[in-house]
């Protein structure tokens, strides 16, 4: 079982996409993810262009409750939602 943290609020997703478009770069989902992942949060957060969110996957199960404050990297986040995905075998926490 793994742990997945997701957030739609850490960056303004649409601002990032517009910024890339304004620079005249072609928008291809794989390219956009690569540009983001290499230049913005390469150590922790990864961009999922299809789900329009950021995520981190840890290889071990971590157990938290809604409302808990957690530290990822050097930043504190609050757990907003918790779900278990048995098919993909991970616990997912939505954070802000």
Protein backbone atom coordinates (compact mmCIF):
# COMPACT_ATOMS: atom_id res chain seq x y z
CA UNK A 1 0.00 0.00 0.00
CA UNK A 2 1.28 3.47 -0.93
CA UNK A 3 0.27 6.97 0.09
CA UNK A 4 -0.74 9.65 -2.40
CA UNK A 5 -1.07 13.33 -1.55
CA UNK A 6 -2.97 15.51 -4.02
CA UNK A 7 -3.76 19.20 -4.17
CA UNK A 8 -5.43 21.54 -6.61
CA UNK A 9 -4.65 24.61 -4.52
CA UNK A 10 -0.86 24.65 -4.23
CA UNK A 11 -0.45 26.35 -7.59
CA UNK A 12 -2.95 28.02 -9.85
CA UNK A 13 -3.06 25.32 -12.53
CA UNK A 14 -4.66 27.55 -15.15
CA UNK A 15 -2.15 30.34 -14.50
CA UNK A 16 0.67 27.86 -15.13
CA UNK A 17 -0.89 26.64 -18.39
CA UNK A 18 -1.54 30.23 -19.57
CA UNK A 19 2.04 31.21 -18.71
CA UNK A 20 3.36 28.37 -20.87
CA UNK A 21 1.02 29.35 -23.73
CA UNK A 22 2.05 33.03 -23.46
CA UNK A 23 5.69 32.04 -23.97
CA UNK A 24 4.63 30.51 -27.30
CA UNK A 25 5.29 26.92 -26.28
CA UNK A 26 3.12 24.20 -27.70
CA UNK A 27 0.81 22.58 -25.18
CA UNK A 28 1.22 18.83 -25.22
CA UNK A 29 0.27 17.07 -22.02
CA UNK A 30 3.55 15.13 -21.71
CA UNK A 31 5.60 18.23 -22.50
CA UNK A 32 3.65 20.38 -20.05
CA UNK A 33 4.17 17.84 -17.27
CA UNK A 34 7.88 17.65 -18.11
CA UNK A 35 8.29 21.44 -18.11
CA UNK A 36 6.49 21.75 -14.78
CA UNK A 37 8.23 18.84 -13.12
CA UNK A 38 11.68 20.04 -14.14
CA UNK A 39 11.26 23.71 -13.24
CA UNK A 40 8.78 24.19 -10.41
CA UNK A 41 8.72 21.52 -7.73
CA UNK A 42 11.23 18.92 -8.88
CA UNK A 43 11.89 17.56 -5.40
CA UNK A 44 8.34 16.74 -4.31
CA UNK A 45 5.24 17.71 -6.26
CA UNK A 46 4.49 16.35 -9.72
CA UNK A 47 1.90 17.72 -12.12
CA UNK A 48 -0.91 15.50 -13.43
CA UNK A 49 -2.21 17.31 -16.52
CA UNK A 50 -5.18 14.97 -16.96
CA UNK A 51 -6.49 15.35 -13.41
CA UNK A 52 -5.37 19.00 -13.24
CA UNK A 53 -3.70 18.59 -9.88
CA UNK A 54 -0.39 18.03 -8.17
CA UNK A 55 0.57 14.82 -6.46
CA UNK A 56 3.23 13.08 -4.43
CA UNK A 57 3.38 9.32 -4.01
CA UNK A 58 5.20 7.78 -1.04
CA UNK A 59 6.07 4.08 -1.17
CA UNK A 60 4.79 3.34 2.33
CA UNK A 61 1.32 3.70 3.85
CA UNK A 62 0.98 6.78 6.06
CA UNK A 63 -2.03 7.23 8.30
CA UNK A 64 -3.54 10.64 9.04
CA UNK A 65 -6.94 12.04 9.99
CA UNK A 66 -8.90 14.84 8.34
CA UNK A 67 -7.74 18.15 9.77
CA UNK A 68 -4.23 16.93 10.64
CA UNK A 69 -1.36 19.28 9.82
CA UNK A 70 1.45 17.53 7.94
CA UNK A 71 4.83 18.66 6.68
CA UNK A 72 5.87 17.82 3.11
CA UNK A 73 9.30 19.11 2.22
CA UNK A 74 9.48 22.38 4.12
CA UNK A 75 5.80 23.32 3.84
CA UNK A 76 2.86 22.56 6.14
CA UNK A 77 -0.44 21.32 4.71
CA UNK A 78 -3.83 20.41 6.17
CA UNK A 79 -5.58 17.13 5.31
CA UNK A 80 -8.97 17.98 3.74
CA UNK A 81 -10.11 14.57 2.49
CA UNK A 82 -9.07 10.94 2.84
CA UNK A 83 -9.92 8.02 0.57
CA UNK A 84 -8.60 4.52 -0.05
CA UNK A 85 -8.15 3.25 -3.60
CA UNK A 86 -8.02 -0.54 -3.37
CA UNK A 87 -7.56 -1.02 -7.12
CA UNK A 88 -4.43 1.15 -7.32
CA UNK A 89 -3.43 0.21 -3.75
CA UNK A 90 -2.93 3.62 -2.18
CA UNK A 91 -4.35 5.85 0.50
CA UNK A 92 -5.09 9.27 -0.98
CA UNK A 93 -5.10 12.49 1.01
CA UNK A 94 -6.26 15.79 -0.46
CA UNK A 95 -4.31 18.63 1.13
CA UNK A 96 -4.32 22.41 1.20
